[in-house]
Amino acid sequence: MSKITLGGKPTNTIGELPSVGSAAPDFILTNAADMSEVSLKHYAGKNVVMNIFPSVDTGVCAASVRKFNAEASKLNNTVVLCISKDLPFAMKRFCGAEGLNNVVTLSDYRNKGFSKNYGIEITDGAFEALDARAVVVVGTDGKIKHTELVPEIGQEPNYEAAIKAI
């Protein structure tokens, strides 16, 4: 279990992020663009940046999607996955309205294993059952190169550290 805060109030996650150097756990998530199921295997041989957040309908979450969308266009052999438990329709609507097409939006609303396997499901407080704000970078070899569990949910992640890890 990891301790984070929401508006300064302590809250917890279900576990810990996988450790750097370990194999990234596979997952099944729903692609917001077409409702298809995708797994980490779909991105084999690419660097994968996972931008994980509670909901695209909050300011900081939306800002992280915008920032990673801008950065993704500069990265070779890299895909940026924006992951939450939002319904795929909400994620597709947001990215369409914002013109964000350099990121892939994925939802854990259906299978729900991702947040448990990556240790980022919030277990108490106002955001219980949503995903904590985190970034995970997976290298072309399928091993984790960088992780960040943002200590305060209302704070943006360290974009520079994530990009540098690639």
N, C-alpha and C. Protein backbone atom coordinates (compact mmCIF):
# COMPACT_ATOMS: atom_id res chain seq x y z
N MET A 1 0.84 -1.18 0.00
CA MET A 1 0.00 0.00 0.00
C MET A 1 0.89 1.24 0.00
N SER A 2 0.49 2.21 -0.82
CA SER A 2 1.20 3.49 -0.86
C SER A 2 0.31 4.57 -0.28
N LYS A 3 0.92 5.54 0.34
CA LYS A 3 0.18 6.67 0.91
C LYS A 3 0.34 7.88 0.00
N ILE A 4 -0.79 8.49 -0.33
CA ILE A 4 -0.82 9.71 -1.13
C ILE A 4 -1.81 10.65 -0.46
N THR A 5 -1.98 11.84 -1.02
CA THR A 5 -2.97 12.75 -0.47
C THR A 5 -3.89 13.26 -1.57
N LEU A 6 -5.07 13.65 -1.15
CA LEU A 6 -6.06 14.28 -2.02
C LEU A 6 -6.49 15.56 -1.32
N GLY A 7 -6.06 16.69 -1.85
CA GLY A 7 -6.35 17.96 -1.19
C GLY A 7 -5.75 18.04 0.19
N GLY A 8 -4.60 17.37 0.37
CA GLY A 8 -3.91 17.36 1.65
C GLY A 8 -4.39 16.29 2.61
N LYS A 9 -5.50 15.63 2.28
CA LYS A 9 -6.03 14.57 3.15
C LYS A 9 -5.41 13.23 2.77
N PRO A 10 -4.90 12.49 3.77
CA PRO A 10 -4.27 11.20 3.48
C PRO A 10 -5.25 10.21 2.86
N THR A 11 -4.75 9.45 1.90
CA THR A 11 -5.49 8.36 1.27
C THR A 11 -4.48 7.30 0.87
N ASN A 12 -4.95 6.15 0.46
CA ASN A 12 -4.07 5.02 0.19
C ASN A 12 -4.37 4.37 -1.16
N THR A 13 -3.37 3.67 -1.67
CA THR A 13 -3.57 2.86 -2.86
C THR A 13 -3.52 1.39 -2.46
N ILE A 14 -3.98 0.56 -3.36
CA ILE A 14 -4.08 -0.87 -3.09
C ILE A 14 -2.72 -1.56 -2.98
N GLY A 15 -1.70 -0.96 -3.57
CA GLY A 15 -0.38 -1.59 -3.54
C GLY A 15 0.71 -0.62 -3.91
N GLU A 16 1.74 -1.15 -4.56
CA GLU A 16 2.90 -0.36 -4.97
C GLU A 16 3.04 -0.46 -6.48
N LEU A 17 3.60 0.56 -7.09
CA LEU A 17 3.94 0.48 -8.50
C LEU A 17 4.98 -0.61 -8.69
N PRO A 18 4.97 -1.27 -9.85
CA PRO A 18 6.02 -2.26 -10.11
C PRO A 18 7.40 -1.60 -10.05
N SER A 19 8.40 -2.35 -9.69
CA SER A 19 9.72 -1.76 -9.52
C SER A 19 10.45 -1.59 -10.86
N VAL A 20 11.28 -0.58 -10.90
CA VAL A 20 12.11 -0.31 -12.08
C VAL A 20 12.99 -1.54 -12.31
N GLY A 21 13.06 -1.97 -13.56
CA GLY A 21 13.83 -3.14 -13.93
C GLY A 21 13.02 -4.41 -14.03
N SER A 22 11.83 -4.41 -13.45
CA SER A 22 10.97 -5.60 -13.51
C SER A 22 10.19 -5.61 -14.82
N ALA A 23 9.68 -6.78 -15.18
CA ALA A 23 8.83 -6.90 -16.37
C ALA A 23 7.51 -6.18 -16.09
N ALA A 24 7.06 -5.40 -17.06
CA ALA A 24 5.79 -4.69 -16.89
C ALA A 24 4.64 -5.69 -16.93
N PRO A 25 3.74 -5.64 -15.95
CA PRO A 25 2.58 -6.53 -15.97
C PRO A 25 1.71 -6.25 -17.20
N ASP A 26 1.24 -7.32 -17.83
CA ASP A 26 0.34 -7.14 -18.96
C ASP A 26 -1.00 -6.65 -18.45
N PHE A 27 -1.84 -6.22 -19.34
CA PHE A 27 -3.16 -5.71 -18.98
C PHE A 27 -4.10 -5.87 -20.15
N ILE A 28 -5.38 -5.75 -19.86
CA ILE A 28 -6.41 -5.63 -20.89
C ILE A 28 -7.19 -4.37 -20.56
N LEU A 29 -7.16 -3.41 -21.50
CA LEU A 29 -7.87 -2.15 -21.34
C LEU A 29 -8.74 -1.91 -22.57
N THR A 30 -9.70 -1.03 -22.43
CA THR A 30 -10.61 -0.72 -23.53
C THR A 30 -10.17 0.55 -24.23
N ASN A 31 -9.95 0.45 -25.55
CA ASN A 31 -9.55 1.58 -26.36
C ASN A 31 -10.74 2.52 -26.52
N ALA A 32 -10.58 3.78 -26.13
CA ALA A 32 -11.68 4.74 -26.20
C ALA A 32 -12.09 5.05 -27.63
N ALA A 33 -11.20 4.87 -28.58
CA ALA A 33 -11.51 5.21 -29.97
C ALA A 33 -12.52 4.25 -30.59
N ASP A 34 -12.40 2.95 -30.26
CA ASP A 34 -13.26 1.97 -30.94
C ASP A 34 -13.80 0.86 -30.04
N MET A 35 -13.59 0.98 -28.73
CA MET A 35 -14.08 0.01 -27.75
C MET A 35 -13.41 -1.37 -27.86
N SER A 36 -12.31 -1.47 -28.61
CA SER A 36 -11.60 -2.74 -28.71
C SER A 36 -10.77 -2.96 -27.44
N GLU A 37 -10.44 -4.22 -27.20
CA GLU A 37 -9.59 -4.54 -26.08
C GLU A 37 -8.14 -4.53 -26.55
N VAL A 38 -7.28 -3.92 -25.76
CA VAL A 38 -5.85 -3.90 -26.07
C VAL A 38 -5.07 -4.35 -24.84
N SER A 39 -3.88 -4.85 -25.12
CA SER A 39 -2.99 -5.27 -24.04
C SER A 39 -1.63 -4.64 -24.25
N LEU A 40 -0.76 -4.79 -23.30
CA LEU A 40 0.59 -4.26 -23.43
C LEU A 40 1.28 -4.90 -24.63
N LYS A 41 0.93 -6.14 -24.94
CA LYS A 41 1.54 -6.85 -26.07
C LYS A 41 1.30 -6.12 -27.40
N HIS A 42 0.21 -5.34 -27.49
CA HIS A 42 -0.07 -4.58 -28.70
C HIS A 42 1.04 -3.56 -29.00
N TYR A 43 1.80 -3.20 -28.00
CA TYR A 43 2.83 -2.17 -28.15
C TYR A 43 4.23 -2.74 -28.04
N ALA A 44 4.36 -4.05 -28.22
CA ALA A 44 5.67 -4.72 -28.13
C ALA A 44 6.67 -4.05 -29.07
N GLY A 45 7.89 -3.85 -28.58
CA GLY A 45 8.95 -3.26 -29.38
C GLY A 45 8.96 -1.74 -29.38
N LYS A 46 8.01 -1.14 -28.66
CA LYS A 46 7.95 0.32 -28.55
C LYS A 46 8.20 0.72 -27.10
N ASN A 47 8.65 1.95 -26.92
CA ASN A 47 8.65 2.54 -25.59
C ASN A 47 7.19 2.90 -25.29
N VAL A 48 6.77 2.67 -24.08
CA VAL A 48 5.40 2.95 -23.67
C VAL A 48 5.42 3.87 -22.46
N VAL A 49 4.76 5.02 -22.60
CA VAL A 49 4.59 5.93 -21.47
C VAL A 49 3.14 5.81 -21.04
N MET A 50 2.92 5.39 -19.80
CA MET A 50 1.56 5.30 -19.26
C MET A 50 1.31 6.52 -18.38
N ASN A 51 0.39 7.36 -18.83
CA ASN A 51 -0.05 8.51 -18.05
C ASN A 51 -1.35 8.07 -17.38
N ILE A 52 -1.29 7.80 -16.10
CA ILE A 52 -2.42 7.24 -15.36
C ILE A 52 -3.01 8.32 -14.46
N PHE A 53 -4.35 8.41 -14.41
CA PHE A 53 -4.97 9.49 -13.66
C PHE A 53 -6.39 9.12 -13.26
N PRO A 54 -6.99 9.88 -12.31
CA PRO A 54 -8.35 9.57 -11.85
C PRO A 54 -9.44 9.81 -12.90
N SER A 55 -9.47 10.98 -13.53
CA SER A 55 -10.53 11.28 -14.50
C SER A 55 -10.13 12.44 -15.40
N VAL A 56 -10.37 12.27 -16.69
CA VAL A 56 -10.05 13.31 -17.66
C VAL A 56 -10.91 14.55 -17.44
N ASP A 57 -11.97 14.43 -16.66
CA ASP A 57 -12.86 15.56 -16.38
C ASP A 57 -12.40 16.42 -15.22
N THR A 58 -11.14 16.31 -14.83
CA THR A 58 -10.58 17.21 -13.82
C THR A 58 -9.44 17.99 -14.46
N GLY A 59 -9.17 19.17 -13.97
CA GLY A 59 -8.20 20.07 -14.59
C GLY A 59 -6.81 19.52 -14.71
N VAL A 60 -6.28 18.92 -13.65
CA VAL A 60 -4.91 18.42 -13.69
C VAL A 60 -4.80 17.20 -14.61
N CYS A 61 -5.81 16.35 -14.59
CA CYS A 61 -5.80 15.18 -15.48
C CYS A 61 -5.83 15.61 -16.93
N ALA A 62 -6.70 16.56 -17.24
CA ALA A 62 -6.79 17.09 -18.61
C ALA A 62 -5.47 17.72 -19.02
N ALA A 63 -4.84 18.45 -18.11
CA ALA A 63 -3.55 19.08 -18.41
C ALA A 63 -2.49 18.04 -18.72
N SER A 64 -2.49 16.92 -18.01
CA SER A 64 -1.49 15.88 -18.26
C SER A 64 -1.69 15.24 -19.62
N VAL A 65 -2.93 15.05 -20.03
CA VAL A 65 -3.20 14.49 -21.36
C VAL A 65 -2.71 15.46 -22.43
N ARG A 66 -3.00 16.75 -22.26
CA ARG A 66 -2.54 17.76 -23.22
C ARG A 66 -1.01 17.79 -23.31
N LYS A 67 -0.35 17.78 -22.16
CA LYS A 67 1.11 17.87 -22.13
C LYS A 67 1.74 16.64 -22.77
N PHE A 68 1.26 15.44 -22.42
CA PHE A 68 1.83 14.24 -23.01
C PHE A 68 1.49 14.15 -24.50
N ASN A 69 0.34 14.67 -24.92
CA ASN A 69 0.01 14.71 -26.34
C ASN A 69 1.05 15.55 -27.10
N ALA A 70 1.41 16.69 -26.53
CA ALA A 70 2.42 17.56 -27.16
C ALA A 70 3.79 16.88 -27.20
N GLU A 71 4.16 16.21 -26.12
CA GLU A 71 5.46 15.54 -26.05
C GLU A 71 5.53 14.32 -26.96
N ALA A 72 4.42 13.61 -27.09
CA ALA A 72 4.40 12.36 -27.86
C ALA A 72 4.81 12.58 -29.31
N SER A 73 4.46 13.72 -29.86
CA SER A 73 4.79 13.99 -31.26
C SER A 73 6.29 14.12 -31.48
N LYS A 74 7.06 14.31 -30.42
CA LYS A 74 8.51 14.49 -30.52
C LYS A 74 9.28 13.19 -30.26
N LEU A 75 8.60 12.13 -29.88
CA LEU A 75 9.26 10.90 -29.45
C LEU A 75 9.25 9.84 -30.54
N ASN A 76 10.41 9.23 -30.79
CA ASN A 76 10.51 8.15 -31.77
C ASN A 76 10.18 6.81 -31.12
N ASN A 77 9.51 5.96 -31.87
CA ASN A 77 9.20 4.59 -31.44
C ASN A 77 8.58 4.55 -30.04
N THR A 78 7.69 5.50 -29.77
CA THR A 78 7.08 5.63 -28.44
C THR A 78 5.59 5.86 -28.58
N VAL A 79 4.82 5.22 -27.72
CA VAL A 79 3.38 5.45 -27.64
C VAL A 79 3.07 5.94 -26.24
N VAL A 80 2.17 6.93 -26.15
CA VAL A 80 1.72 7.43 -24.86
C VAL A 80 0.30 6.94 -24.63
N LEU A 81 0.11 6.20 -23.55
CA LEU A 81 -1.20 5.67 -23.18
C LEU A 81 -1.73 6.50 -22.03
N CYS A 82 -2.89 7.10 -22.21
CA CYS A 82 -3.56 7.85 -21.14
C CYS A 82 -4.64 6.95 -20.58
N ILE A 83 -4.49 6.58 -19.31
CA ILE A 83 -5.30 5.51 -18.71
C ILE A 83 -6.05 6.02 -17.49
N SER A 84 -7.36 5.72 -17.46
CA SER A 84 -8.18 6.00 -16.28
C SER A 84 -9.35 5.03 -16.27
N LYS A 85 -10.21 5.18 -15.29
CA LYS A 85 -11.43 4.38 -15.25
C LYS A 85 -12.61 5.14 -15.84
N ASP A 86 -12.32 6.27 -16.50
CA ASP A 86 -13.37 7.00 -17.21
C ASP A 86 -14.01 6.08 -18.25
N LEU A 87 -15.27 6.36 -18.56
CA LEU A 87 -15.89 5.64 -19.66
C LEU A 87 -15.20 6.04 -20.96
N PRO A 88 -15.03 5.11 -21.87
CA PRO A 88 -14.37 5.42 -23.14
C PRO A 88 -15.02 6.59 -23.88
N PHE A 89 -16.33 6.75 -23.77
CA PHE A 89 -17.04 7.84 -24.45
C PHE A 89 -16.55 9.20 -23.97
N ALA A 90 -16.34 9.32 -22.66
CA ALA A 90 -15.87 10.59 -22.10
C ALA A 90 -14.45 10.90 -22.58
N MET A 91 -13.61 9.88 -22.62
CA MET A 91 -12.23 10.08 -23.05
C MET A 91 -12.19 10.46 -24.54
N LYS A 92 -12.98 9.78 -25.35
CA LYS A 92 -13.03 10.07 -26.79
C LYS A 92 -13.56 11.48 -27.03
N ARG A 93 -14.60 11.87 -26.28
CA ARG A 93 -15.17 13.21 -26.41
C ARG A 93 -14.13 14.27 -26.07
N PHE A 94 -13.43 14.09 -24.97
CA PHE A 94 -12.42 15.05 -24.54
C PHE A 94 -11.32 15.20 -25.59
N CYS A 95 -10.75 14.09 -26.02
CA CYS A 95 -9.65 14.16 -26.99
C CYS A 95 -10.11 14.72 -28.32
N GLY A 96 -11.33 14.40 -28.74
CA GLY A 96 -11.86 14.95 -29.98
C GLY A 96 -12.05 16.45 -29.89
N ALA A 97 -12.62 16.91 -28.79
CA ALA A 97 -12.86 18.34 -28.60
C ALA A 97 -11.56 19.12 -28.51
N GLU A 98 -10.52 18.49 -27.96
CA GLU A 98 -9.23 19.15 -27.78
C GLU A 98 -8.29 18.96 -28.98
N GLY A 99 -8.67 18.08 -29.91
CA GLY A 99 -7.80 17.81 -31.05
C GLY A 99 -6.54 17.05 -30.67
N LEU A 100 -6.65 16.17 -29.69
CA LEU A 100 -5.50 15.42 -29.19
C LEU A 100 -5.43 14.07 -29.90
N ASN A 101 -4.49 13.91 -30.81
CA ASN A 101 -4.42 12.67 -31.56
C ASN A 101 -3.05 11.99 -31.50
N ASN A 102 -2.19 12.43 -30.60
CA ASN A 102 -0.87 11.80 -30.44
C ASN A 102 -0.82 10.84 -29.26
N VAL A 103 -1.92 10.69 -28.55
CA VAL A 103 -2.00 9.78 -27.42
C VAL A 103 -3.09 8.76 -27.68
N VAL A 104 -3.00 7.64 -26.97
CA VAL A 104 -4.02 6.60 -27.03
C VAL A 104 -4.74 6.62 -25.68
N THR A 105 -6.04 6.79 -25.70
CA THR A 105 -6.79 6.80 -24.45
C THR A 105 -7.39 5.41 -24.20
N LEU A 106 -7.12 4.91 -23.00
CA LEU A 106 -7.55 3.57 -22.63
C LEU A 106 -8.29 3.62 -21.30
N SER A 107 -9.31 2.80 -21.20
CA SER A 107 -10.14 2.77 -19.99
C SER A 107 -10.05 1.42 -19.29
N ASP A 108 -10.01 1.48 -17.97
CA ASP A 108 -10.00 0.28 -17.12
C ASP A 108 -11.38 0.06 -16.50
N TYR A 109 -12.41 0.63 -17.12
CA TYR A 109 -13.75 0.52 -16.53
C TYR A 109 -14.30 -0.91 -16.61
N ARG A 110 -13.91 -1.67 -17.61
CA ARG A 110 -14.50 -2.98 -17.85
C ARG A 110 -13.76 -4.10 -17.13
N ASN A 111 -12.46 -4.20 -17.33
CA ASN A 111 -11.70 -5.35 -16.82
C ASN A 111 -11.18 -5.14 -15.41
N LYS A 112 -10.87 -3.94 -15.06
CA LYS A 112 -10.48 -3.51 -13.71
C LYS A 112 -9.25 -4.20 -13.12
N GLY A 113 -8.52 -4.97 -13.90
CA GLY A 113 -7.32 -5.61 -13.37
C GLY A 113 -6.10 -4.71 -13.39
N PHE A 114 -6.08 -3.76 -14.30
CA PHE A 114 -4.92 -2.89 -14.45
C PHE A 114 -4.57 -2.17 -13.16
N SER A 115 -5.54 -1.50 -12.56
CA SER A 115 -5.26 -0.68 -11.37
C SER A 115 -4.80 -1.52 -10.18
N LYS A 116 -5.26 -2.74 -10.13
CA LYS A 116 -4.80 -3.63 -9.04
C LYS A 116 -3.39 -4.14 -9.33
N ASN A 117 -3.14 -4.57 -10.58
CA ASN A 117 -1.83 -5.11 -10.94
C ASN A 117 -0.73 -4.06 -10.88
N TYR A 118 -1.09 -2.81 -11.13
CA TYR A 118 -0.10 -1.73 -11.07
C TYR A 118 -0.10 -1.03 -9.71
N GLY A 119 -0.97 -1.46 -8.78
CA GLY A 119 -0.97 -0.96 -7.41
C GLY A 119 -1.48 0.46 -7.25
N ILE A 120 -2.23 0.98 -8.22
CA ILE A 120 -2.60 2.40 -8.18
C ILE A 120 -4.09 2.64 -7.90
N GLU A 121 -4.85 1.61 -7.62
CA GLU A 121 -6.26 1.83 -7.28
C GLU A 121 -6.35 2.47 -5.89
N ILE A 122 -7.11 3.54 -5.79
CA ILE A 122 -7.29 4.23 -4.51
C ILE A 122 -8.29 3.44 -3.67
N THR A 123 -7.94 3.19 -2.41
CA THR A 123 -8.76 2.30 -1.56
C THR A 123 -9.65 3.02 -0.57
N ASP A 124 -9.51 4.34 -0.43
CA ASP A 124 -10.35 5.05 0.53
C ASP A 124 -10.45 6.52 0.14
N GLY A 125 -11.27 7.26 0.83
CA GLY A 125 -11.41 8.69 0.57
C GLY A 125 -12.37 8.98 -0.58
N ALA A 126 -12.42 10.24 -0.96
CA ALA A 126 -13.37 10.71 -1.98
C ALA A 126 -13.16 10.07 -3.35
N PHE A 127 -11.93 9.67 -3.68
CA PHE A 127 -11.64 9.08 -4.99
C PHE A 127 -11.53 7.56 -4.93
N GLU A 128 -12.07 6.95 -3.89
CA GLU A 128 -12.01 5.50 -3.74
C GLU A 128 -12.43 4.80 -5.03
N ALA A 129 -11.65 3.80 -5.42
CA ALA A 129 -11.86 2.95 -6.60
C ALA A 129 -11.34 3.58 -7.90
N LEU A 130 -10.98 4.86 -7.89
CA LEU A 130 -10.37 5.47 -9.07
C LEU A 130 -8.87 5.20 -9.06
N ASP A 131 -8.20 5.55 -10.15
CA ASP A 131 -6.76 5.37 -10.24
C ASP A 131 -6.04 6.59 -9.66
N ALA A 132 -4.96 6.35 -8.96
CA ALA A 132 -4.11 7.43 -8.48
C ALA A 132 -3.35 8.02 -9.68
N ARG A 133 -2.81 9.19 -9.52
CA ARG A 133 -2.02 9.81 -10.58
C ARG A 133 -0.62 9.20 -10.56
N ALA A 134 -0.24 8.62 -11.70
CA ALA A 134 1.06 7.96 -11.78
C ALA A 134 1.55 7.97 -13.22
N VAL A 135 2.85 7.78 -13.38
CA VAL A 135 3.46 7.61 -14.69
C VAL A 135 4.35 6.38 -14.62
N VAL A 136 4.21 5.54 -15.64
CA VAL A 136 5.06 4.35 -15.75
C VAL A 136 5.62 4.36 -17.17
N VAL A 137 6.94 4.19 -17.29
CA VAL A 137 7.58 4.12 -18.60
C VAL A 137 8.13 2.70 -18.76
N VAL A 138 7.74 2.08 -19.88
CA VAL A 138 8.18 0.72 -20.20
C VAL A 138 9.08 0.81 -21.44
N GLY A 139 10.22 0.18 -21.37
CA GLY A 139 11.16 0.20 -22.49
C GLY A 139 10.77 -0.77 -23.58
N THR A 140 11.50 -0.73 -24.67
CA THR A 140 11.22 -1.61 -25.80
C THR A 140 11.39 -3.09 -25.45
N ASP A 141 12.10 -3.37 -24.37
CA ASP A 141 12.30 -4.74 -23.91
C ASP A 141 11.20 -5.22 -22.97
N GLY A 142 10.20 -4.37 -22.70
CA GLY A 142 9.09 -4.77 -21.82
C GLY A 142 9.38 -4.58 -20.34
N LYS A 143 10.52 -3.99 -20.03
CA LYS A 143 10.88 -3.77 -18.62
C LYS A 143 10.62 -2.32 -18.23
N ILE A 144 10.27 -2.15 -16.96
CA ILE A 144 9.96 -0.83 -16.45
C ILE A 144 11.23 -0.01 -16.29
N LYS A 145 11.21 1.20 -16.87
CA LYS A 145 12.36 2.09 -16.85
C LYS A 145 12.19 3.25 -15.87
N HIS A 146 10.94 3.58 -15.56
CA HIS A 146 10.67 4.74 -14.70
C HIS A 146 9.26 4.60 -14.12
N THR A 147 9.12 4.98 -12.87
CA THR A 147 7.79 5.08 -12.25
C THR A 147 7.72 6.33 -11.40
N GLU A 148 6.51 6.86 -11.32
CA GLU A 148 6.25 7.98 -10.41
C GLU A 148 4.82 7.86 -9.92
N LEU A 149 4.65 7.73 -8.63
CA LEU A 149 3.34 7.85 -8.01
C LEU A 149 3.30 9.27 -7.46
N VAL A 150 2.47 10.11 -8.06
CA VAL A 150 2.43 11.52 -7.66
C VAL A 150 1.87 11.59 -6.24
N PRO A 151 2.59 12.21 -5.31
CA PRO A 151 2.20 12.16 -3.90
C PRO A 151 0.90 12.89 -3.58
N GLU A 152 0.57 13.92 -4.33
CA GLU A 152 -0.68 14.67 -4.14
C GLU A 152 -1.46 14.57 -5.45
N ILE A 153 -2.66 14.03 -5.38
CA ILE A 153 -3.45 13.78 -6.59
C ILE A 153 -3.65 15.06 -7.41
N GLY A 154 -3.73 16.21 -6.77
CA GLY A 154 -3.94 17.46 -7.46
C GLY A 154 -2.69 18.07 -8.08
N GLN A 155 -1.58 17.34 -8.04
CA GLN A 155 -0.30 17.82 -8.56
C GLN A 155 0.00 17.13 -9.89
N GLU A 156 0.61 17.84 -10.84
CA GLU A 156 0.98 17.25 -12.11
C GLU A 156 2.21 16.35 -11.93
N PRO A 157 2.34 15.35 -12.81
CA PRO A 157 3.52 14.48 -12.73
C PRO A 157 4.77 15.20 -13.23
N ASN A 158 5.91 14.58 -13.02
CA ASN A 158 7.18 15.10 -13.50
C ASN A 158 7.37 14.64 -14.95
N TYR A 159 6.87 15.45 -15.88
CA TYR A 159 6.92 15.11 -17.30
C TYR A 159 8.36 14.90 -17.77
N GLU A 160 9.23 15.79 -17.36
CA GLU A 160 10.63 15.74 -17.80
C GLU A 160 11.29 14.42 -17.42
N ALA A 161 11.05 13.94 -16.21
CA ALA A 161 11.64 12.67 -15.78
C ALA A 161 11.12 11.50 -16.61
N ALA A 162 9.85 11.52 -16.94
CA ALA A 162 9.26 10.46 -17.75
C ALA A 162 9.87 10.45 -19.14
N ILE A 163 9.96 11.61 -19.76
CA ILE A 163 10.51 11.71 -21.12
C ILE A 163 12.00 11.35 -21.12
N LYS A 164 12.71 11.79 -20.10
CA LYS A 164 14.14 11.48 -20.00
C LYS A 164 14.39 9.98 -19.88
N ALA A 165 13.46 9.26 -19.27
CA ALA A 165 13.61 7.82 -19.08
C ALA A 165 13.60 7.06 -20.40
N ILE A 166 13.04 7.67 -21.43
CA ILE A 166 13.01 7.04 -22.75
C ILE A 166 14.36 7.20 -23.36
